[in-house]
């Protein structure tokens, strides 16, 4: 089994690497992403609740991540539940776990008549998020690229409605569901507009509610696709670039739809095959994935991590529109530091001398 003797040194900052790789220049290693702010807090024994409210905690975690791993989080945003929180949903913030929605906000669709689209400058924790982004940009903007993530329309709608009722409404109350999806879309656009205006960020989209594990192809085409398409058309018009998207779980049936919608990149879950994705979508958009976050990164040993990273690079590093090494979904709390270091070791070793569309140096 391969032993980690020394993690290869980096020649570029994450910002330099991303920029050069994007224009087709050779970089020291394949670009990769790591853990989010909550996982970083858990890793360093910090109360996770502070990552939602305390700017100094977020800055301190970023510094520790850069010192230990060479790459931080640099991503702040409402993600899956933040829009619901900004609209007034009751939330629960455990000390050592992700935050939760205690009670869905919309019990009756008539409530939409009196609801206003979010204002990121005033609503919920969004003003704090914007201040966090400002400080991250100020202190780390020369080292890494600031990012933000937000949920897709289906996932936003699901965060506002009880899950069983949401799924029932796709069949029983389609007109009301479309109203909820349109409202959700406008809230998403409101956040995306502000972070683009303030920081030049084009948000990434996370849309687990569009997974084929939750809804079928027909429901995707009827309910998810129209609003994703409208979002991408708006983003291209306003920002000059389309967002990326991640869909948890099975997505193979909608790959052609994602191509048609026109996303800039697709992050695929580890339940799908990365090589097949490259063949199907790699000529149209950048792809990302898909080291198993639970079975390998959290519960595996360093050897399984190294092997999985190597396999991902071998499958996808030469994808025509580019490849970002990442986990197949969010890396969970409790992932051992030694496994994160093994991931970085393998990324730098087997992803050495990467060029977009051409792959990496061949290493036995």
Protein backbone atom coordinates (compact mmCIF):
# COMPACT_ATOMS: atom_id res chain seq x y z
CA UNK A 1 0.00 0.00 0.00
CA UNK A 2 1.11 3.52 -0.80
CA UNK A 3 2.55 5.45 2.12
CA UNK A 4 2.44 9.24 2.47
CA UNK A 5 6.04 10.31 2.92
CA UNK A 6 5.61 13.96 2.03
CA UNK A 7 2.77 16.00 0.54
CA UNK A 8 4.00 17.61 -2.70
CA UNK A 9 4.61 21.35 -2.45
CA UNK A 10 2.42 23.79 -4.34
CA UNK A 11 3.79 26.31 -6.82
CA UNK A 12 0.61 28.36 -7.20
CA UNK A 13 -2.09 29.82 -4.97
CA UNK A 14 -5.65 28.51 -5.44
CA UNK A 15 -6.54 31.77 -7.23
CA UNK A 16 -3.58 31.58 -9.59
CA UNK A 17 -4.28 27.91 -10.30
CA UNK A 18 -7.95 28.49 -11.05
CA UNK A 19 -7.27 31.41 -13.39
CA UNK A 20 -4.45 29.73 -15.30
CA UNK A 21 -6.24 26.40 -15.57
CA UNK A 22 -9.33 28.18 -16.88
CA UNK A 23 -7.42 29.66 -19.83
CA UNK A 24 -5.67 26.42 -20.72
CA UNK A 25 -2.28 26.94 -19.08
CA UNK A 26 -0.42 24.17 -17.28
CA UNK A 27 -0.78 24.33 -13.50
CA UNK A 28 1.06 22.57 -10.69
CA UNK A 29 -1.85 20.19 -10.02
CA UNK A 30 -5.50 19.65 -10.80
CA UNK A 31 -7.77 22.15 -9.01
CA UNK A 32 -9.70 20.66 -6.10
CA UNK A 33 -12.16 21.64 -3.39
CA UNK A 34 -12.21 20.51 0.22
CA UNK A 35 -14.55 20.97 3.21
CA UNK A 36 -17.09 23.64 4.11
CA UNK A 37 -17.11 25.99 7.07
CA UNK A 38 -19.20 23.78 9.37
CA UNK A 39 -16.93 20.78 8.80
CA UNK A 40 -13.91 23.00 9.43
CA UNK A 41 -15.44 24.15 12.72
CA UNK A 42 -16.00 20.55 13.81
CA UNK A 43 -12.47 19.62 12.77
CA UNK A 44 -10.96 22.33 14.97
CA UNK A 45 -13.34 21.94 17.92
CA UNK A 46 -15.23 25.19 17.30
CA UNK A 47 -18.93 25.62 18.09
CA UNK A 48 -20.59 25.27 14.68
CA UNK A 49 -23.22 27.86 15.61
CA UNK A 50 -20.53 30.54 15.54
CA UNK A 51 -19.96 29.98 11.81
CA UNK A 52 -23.41 31.47 11.15
CA UNK A 53 -23.01 34.61 13.24
CA UNK A 54 -19.39 35.38 14.13
CA UNK A 55 -17.19 36.88 11.45
CA UNK A 56 -14.00 36.46 13.48
CA UNK A 57 -14.66 32.73 13.86
CA UNK A 58 -15.02 32.32 10.10
CA UNK A 59 -11.82 34.29 9.45
CA UNK A 60 -9.91 32.25 12.05
CA UNK A 61 -11.11 28.98 10.50
CA UNK A 62 -10.05 30.17 7.06
CA UNK A 63 -6.56 30.93 8.36
CA UNK A 64 -6.27 27.51 10.00
CA UNK A 65 -7.44 25.76 6.83
CA UNK A 66 -4.93 27.62 4.68
CA UNK A 67 -2.13 26.89 7.14
CA UNK A 68 -2.95 23.18 7.41
CA UNK A 69 -4.23 22.35 3.92
CA UNK A 70 -3.22 25.18 1.61
CA UNK A 71 -6.87 25.80 0.79
CA UNK A 72 -9.73 27.21 2.83
CA UNK A 73 -13.49 27.34 2.43
CA UNK A 74 -13.94 30.78 0.83
CA UNK A 75 -17.64 30.06 0.26
CA UNK A 76 -20.45 31.81 2.11
CA UNK A 77 -24.11 31.75 1.23
CA UNK A 78 -27.65 30.68 2.11
CA UNK A 79 -27.15 27.28 0.51
CA UNK A 80 -30.04 24.85 1.13
CA UNK A 81 -32.00 26.47 3.97
CA UNK A 82 -30.85 30.08 4.21
CA UNK A 83 -33.63 31.51 2.07
CA UNK A 84 -36.23 29.83 4.28
CA UNK A 85 -34.51 31.36 7.32
CA UNK A 86 -34.49 34.80 5.71
CA UNK A 87 -38.21 34.50 5.00
CA UNK A 88 -38.92 33.77 8.66
CA UNK A 89 -38.87 29.99 9.05
CA UNK A 90 -38.20 28.69 12.56
CA UNK A 91 -34.67 27.28 12.73
CA UNK A 92 -32.70 25.11 15.14
CA UNK A 93 -28.95 25.55 15.56
CA UNK A 94 -27.28 22.55 17.25
CA UNK A 95 -23.85 23.11 18.76
CA UNK A 96 -22.20 20.27 16.88
CA UNK A 97 -24.31 19.73 13.79
CA UNK A 98 -25.79 21.49 10.77
CA UNK A 99 -28.70 23.84 11.30
CA UNK A 100 -32.24 22.58 10.73
CA UNK A 101 -35.67 23.92 9.83
CA UNK A 102 -37.90 23.27 12.86
CA UNK A 103 -41.18 23.94 11.09
CA UNK A 104 -41.84 24.60 7.39
CA UNK A 105 -42.94 28.16 6.76
CA UNK A 106 -45.75 27.61 4.26
CA UNK A 107 -48.68 25.58 5.57
CA UNK A 108 -51.14 27.16 3.12
CA UNK A 109 -50.37 28.46 -0.35
CA UNK A 110 -52.48 31.54 0.35
CA UNK A 111 -49.60 32.69 2.54
CA UNK A 112 -47.63 33.44 -0.63
CA UNK A 113 -49.97 36.36 -1.34
CA UNK A 114 -48.50 38.27 1.63
CA UNK A 115 -44.88 37.19 1.31
CA UNK A 116 -42.18 39.44 -0.12
CA UNK A 117 -39.10 38.33 -2.02
CA UNK A 118 -36.05 38.38 0.25
CA UNK A 119 -33.86 41.44 0.65
CA UNK A 120 -30.32 40.14 1.30
CA UNK A 121 -29.31 43.45 2.88
CA UNK A 122 -31.90 43.19 5.65
CA UNK A 123 -33.41 39.71 5.99
CA UNK A 124 -32.40 36.92 8.34
CA UNK A 125 -28.71 36.11 8.54
CA UNK A 126 -28.02 37.31 5.01
CA UNK A 127 -26.55 40.67 6.12
CA UNK A 128 -24.06 38.75 8.28
CA UNK A 129 -23.22 36.52 5.31
CA UNK A 130 -22.48 39.58 3.19
CA UNK A 131 -20.19 40.98 5.89
CA UNK A 132 -18.41 37.62 6.11
CA UNK A 133 -17.91 37.65 2.35
CA UNK A 134 -16.56 41.19 2.53
CA UNK A 135 -13.97 40.21 5.14
CA UNK A 136 -12.97 37.00 3.35
CA UNK A 137 -12.50 38.98 0.15
CA UNK A 138 -10.46 41.61 1.96
CA UNK A 139 -8.19 39.21 3.82
CA UNK A 140 -7.90 36.26 1.42
CA UNK A 141 -9.02 37.58 -1.97
CA UNK A 142 -5.47 37.68 -3.34
CA UNK A 143 -4.95 34.05 -2.33
CA UNK A 144 -8.22 32.39 -3.33
CA UNK A 145 -11.43 33.17 -5.19
CA UNK A 146 -14.47 34.10 -3.13
CA UNK A 147 -17.51 31.90 -3.80
CA UNK A 148 -21.15 31.64 -2.80
CA UNK A 149 -23.75 28.90 -3.01
CA UNK A 150 -27.53 28.90 -3.03
CA UNK A 151 -30.25 26.30 -3.46
CA UNK A 152 -32.08 25.59 -6.71
CA UNK A 153 -35.78 26.42 -7.14
CA UNK A 154 -37.04 22.91 -6.28
CA UNK A 155 -34.87 22.72 -3.18
CA UNK A 156 -35.90 26.20 -2.09
CA UNK A 157 -39.56 25.25 -2.48
CA UNK A 158 -38.97 22.05 -0.50
CA UNK A 159 -37.39 24.07 2.32
CA UNK A 160 -40.59 26.11 2.59
CA UNK A 161 -43.10 23.24 2.50
CA UNK A 162 -43.34 20.01 4.50
CA UNK A 163 -41.66 17.23 2.50
CA UNK A 164 -44.63 14.88 2.26
CA UNK A 165 -46.96 17.70 1.24
CA UNK A 166 -44.38 18.96 -1.26
CA UNK A 167 -44.27 15.58 -3.03
CA UNK A 168 -48.05 15.26 -2.89
CA UNK A 169 -48.50 18.75 -4.33
CA UNK A 170 -46.51 17.86 -7.43
CA UNK A 171 -49.48 15.68 -8.37
CA UNK A 172 -52.42 17.17 -6.48
CA UNK A 173 -51.73 20.93 -6.59
CA UNK A 174 -49.45 21.61 -9.57
CA UNK A 175 -50.65 25.18 -10.11
CA UNK A 176 -49.88 26.16 -6.52
CA UNK A 177 -46.52 24.41 -6.77
CA UNK A 178 -45.66 26.51 -9.81
CA UNK A 179 -46.49 29.66 -7.84
CA UNK A 180 -44.18 28.49 -5.05
CA UNK A 181 -41.41 27.67 -7.51
CA UNK A 182 -41.66 31.07 -9.17
CA UNK A 183 -41.49 32.79 -5.79
CA UNK A 184 -38.50 30.61 -4.86
CA UNK A 185 -36.79 31.52 -8.12
CA UNK A 186 -37.19 35.24 -7.45
CA UNK A 187 -35.66 34.83 -3.98
CA UNK A 188 -32.71 32.93 -5.45
CA UNK A 189 -32.17 35.64 -8.05
CA UNK A 190 -32.27 38.30 -5.33
CA UNK A 191 -29.32 36.68 -3.51
CA UNK A 192 -27.41 35.99 -6.71
CA UNK A 193 -27.82 39.57 -7.87
CA UNK A 194 -26.48 41.06 -4.65
CA UNK A 195 -23.39 38.84 -4.43
CA UNK A 196 -22.62 39.49 -8.07
CA UNK A 197 -23.06 43.25 -7.65
CA UNK A 198 -20.99 43.36 -4.46
CA UNK A 199 -18.28 40.77 -5.15
CA UNK A 200 -18.49 39.64 -8.76
CA UNK A 201 -19.50 36.11 -7.65
CA UNK A 202 -21.57 33.87 -9.88
CA UNK A 203 -23.26 31.54 -7.39
CA UNK A 204 -23.15 27.78 -7.59
CA UNK A 205 -26.51 26.01 -7.36
CA UNK A 206 -27.22 23.01 -5.13
CA UNK A 207 -30.46 21.25 -6.01
CA UNK A 208 -30.88 17.93 -4.18
CA UNK A 209 -34.66 18.13 -4.60
CA UNK A 210 -34.12 17.63 -8.35
CA UNK A 211 -32.50 14.24 -7.71
CA UNK A 212 -33.94 11.21 -9.45
CA UNK A 213 -33.91 9.59 -6.00
CA UNK A 214 -36.67 12.01 -4.97
CA UNK A 215 -38.60 12.91 -8.12
CA UNK A 216 -39.00 11.23 -11.49
CA UNK A 217 -37.94 12.44 -14.90
CA UNK A 218 -41.46 13.70 -15.66
CA UNK A 219 -41.61 15.85 -12.54
CA UNK A 220 -38.14 17.19 -13.31
CA UNK A 221 -39.25 18.26 -16.77
CA UNK A 222 -42.51 19.79 -15.55
CA UNK A 223 -41.40 21.47 -12.33
CA UNK A 224 -37.63 21.76 -12.05
CA UNK A 225 -36.34 22.30 -15.57
CA UNK A 226 -38.40 25.40 -16.50
CA UNK A 227 -37.19 27.33 -13.46
CA UNK A 228 -33.58 26.19 -13.78
CA UNK A 229 -33.71 27.29 -17.40
CA UNK A 230 -35.15 30.68 -16.46
CA UNK A 231 -32.44 31.06 -13.82
CA UNK A 232 -29.64 30.29 -16.29
CA UNK A 233 -31.07 32.60 -18.96
CA UNK A 234 -31.31 35.41 -16.40
CA UNK A 235 -27.79 34.78 -15.07
CA UNK A 236 -26.28 34.85 -18.56
CA UNK A 237 -28.10 38.08 -19.31
CA UNK A 238 -27.22 39.81 -16.02
CA UNK A 239 -23.78 38.38 -15.25
CA UNK A 240 -22.55 37.18 -18.62
CA UNK A 241 -22.03 33.66 -17.28
CA UNK A 242 -24.18 30.73 -16.25
CA UNK A 243 -23.92 29.11 -12.81
CA UNK A 244 -22.71 25.63 -11.98
CA UNK A 245 -25.00 23.02 -10.42
CA UNK A 246 -24.77 20.03 -8.08
CA UNK A 247 -27.53 17.44 -7.86
CA UNK A 248 -27.28 14.85 -5.10
CA UNK A 249 -27.94 11.21 -5.86
CA UNK A 250 -28.94 9.84 -9.24
CA UNK A 251 -28.96 12.33 -12.10
CA UNK A 252 -28.14 10.29 -15.23
CA UNK A 253 -31.67 10.63 -16.64
CA UNK A 254 -31.44 14.44 -16.71
CA UNK A 255 -27.93 14.92 -18.10
CA UNK A 256 -29.32 15.87 -21.50
CA UNK A 257 -31.60 18.38 -19.78
CA UNK A 258 -28.65 19.95 -17.95
CA UNK A 259 -26.86 20.28 -21.27
CA UNK A 260 -29.91 21.94 -22.81
CA UNK A 261 -30.35 24.29 -19.85
CA UNK A 262 -26.78 25.50 -20.29
CA UNK A 263 -24.98 25.28 -16.96
CA UNK A 264 -21.28 26.15 -16.88
CA UNK A 265 -20.37 23.09 -14.79
CA UNK A 266 -21.94 20.02 -13.20
CA UNK A 267 -20.87 18.41 -9.94
CA UNK A 268 -21.91 14.76 -9.89
CA UNK A 269 -22.66 12.48 -6.96
CA UNK A 270 -20.49 9.43 -6.38
CA UNK A 271 -23.40 7.11 -7.24
CA UNK A 272 -22.85 8.04 -10.92
CA UNK A 273 -19.86 7.17 -13.08
CA UNK A 274 -17.44 10.04 -13.65
CA UNK A 275 -16.05 8.59 -16.88
CA UNK A 276 -19.54 8.26 -18.34
CA UNK A 277 -20.30 11.84 -17.29
CA UNK A 278 -17.15 13.04 -19.06
CA UNK A 279 -18.21 11.34 -22.28
CA UNK A 280 -21.75 12.68 -22.04
CA UNK A 281 -21.31 16.24 -20.78
CA UNK A 282 -17.58 16.96 -20.78
CA UNK A 283 -17.69 18.58 -24.18
CA UNK A 284 -20.38 21.02 -23.06
CA UNK A 285 -19.41 22.03 -19.54
CA UNK A 286 -16.81 21.54 -16.83
CA UNK A 287 -17.39 18.56 -14.56
CA UNK A 288 -16.63 17.93 -10.91
CA UNK A 289 -16.60 14.94 -8.56
CA UNK A 290 -16.80 12.41 -7.19
CA UNK A 291 -14.83 10.85 -4.32
CA UNK A 292 -17.37 9.12 -2.01
CA UNK A 293 -17.75 11.47 0.98
CA UNK A 294 -18.99 8.95 3.55
CA UNK A 295 -17.70 5.50 2.56
CA UNK A 296 -14.24 6.76 1.58
CA UNK A 297 -13.46 10.20 3.00
CA UNK A 298 -15.15 9.82 6.38
CA UNK A 299 -15.12 6.07 7.01
CA UNK A 300 -12.28 4.84 4.81
CA UNK A 301 -8.55 4.71 5.50
CA UNK A 302 -5.89 6.83 3.82
CA UNK A 303 -5.20 4.12 1.25
CA UNK A 304 -8.80 4.02 0.04
CA UNK A 305 -8.81 7.83 -0.13
CA UNK A 306 -5.65 7.89 -2.26
CA UNK A 307 -6.99 5.17 -4.56
CA UNK A 308 -10.34 6.91 -5.02
CA UNK A 309 -8.73 10.26 -5.82
CA UNK A 310 -6.40 8.57 -8.30
CA UNK A 311 -9.32 6.85 -10.03
CA UNK A 312 -11.27 10.11 -10.31
CA UNK A 313 -8.30 11.88 -11.86
CA UNK A 314 -7.70 9.02 -14.30
CA UNK A 315 -11.35 9.10 -15.36
CA UNK A 316 -11.92 12.81 -15.73
CA UNK A 317 -8.75 14.94 -15.74
CA UNK A 318 -8.80 15.24 -19.54
CA UNK A 319 -12.44 16.30 -19.73
CA UNK A 320 -12.59 18.83 -22.61
CA UNK A 321 -14.13 21.74 -20.68
CA UNK A 322 -12.17 21.10 -17.50
CA UNK A 323 -12.32 19.07 -14.32
CA UNK A 324 -12.41 19.97 -10.62
CA UNK A 325 -11.61 17.19 -8.16
CA UNK A 326 -14.15 17.11 -5.35
CA UNK A 327 -16.22 14.82 -3.18
CA UNK A 328 -19.41 13.37 -4.64
CA UNK A 329 -21.42 15.44 -2.17
CA UNK A 330 -20.76 17.58 0.90
CA UNK A 331 -17.93 16.15 3.00
CA UNK A 332 -19.57 15.21 6.32
CA UNK A 333 -18.75 16.28 9.83
CA UNK A 334 -16.34 13.90 11.52
CA UNK A 335 -14.11 13.33 8.50
CA UNK A 336 -10.60 12.61 9.89
CA UNK A 337 -7.85 15.12 9.25
CA UNK A 338 -5.53 12.34 8.04
CA UNK A 339 -8.03 11.46 5.30
CA UNK A 340 -8.22 15.08 4.18
CA UNK A 341 -4.43 15.17 4.01
CA UNK A 342 -4.44 11.90 2.03
CA UNK A 343 -6.93 13.48 -0.40
CA UNK A 344 -4.63 16.48 -0.87
CA UNK A 345 -1.56 14.27 -1.22
CA UNK A 346 -3.20 12.23 -3.98
CA UNK A 347 -4.60 15.31 -5.74
CA UNK A 348 -1.17 16.94 -5.90
CA UNK A 349 0.67 13.76 -6.85
CA UNK A 350 -1.64 12.18 -9.43
CA UNK A 351 -3.04 15.50 -10.62
CA UNK A 352 0.43 16.95 -11.26
CA UNK A 353 0.99 19.31 -14.22
CA UNK A 354 -2.67 19.59 -15.20
CA UNK A 355 -3.92 21.25 -18.38
CA UNK A 356 -7.62 21.75 -19.06
CA UNK A 357 -8.84 19.25 -21.61
CA UNK A 358 -5.53 17.39 -21.76
CA UNK A 359 -5.19 15.78 -18.35
CA UNK A 360 -2.20 15.46 -16.05
CA UNK A 361 1.32 14.11 -16.15
CA UNK A 362 1.29 10.33 -16.27
CA UNK A 363 2.44 8.96 -12.92
CA UNK A 364 2.58 5.18 -12.35
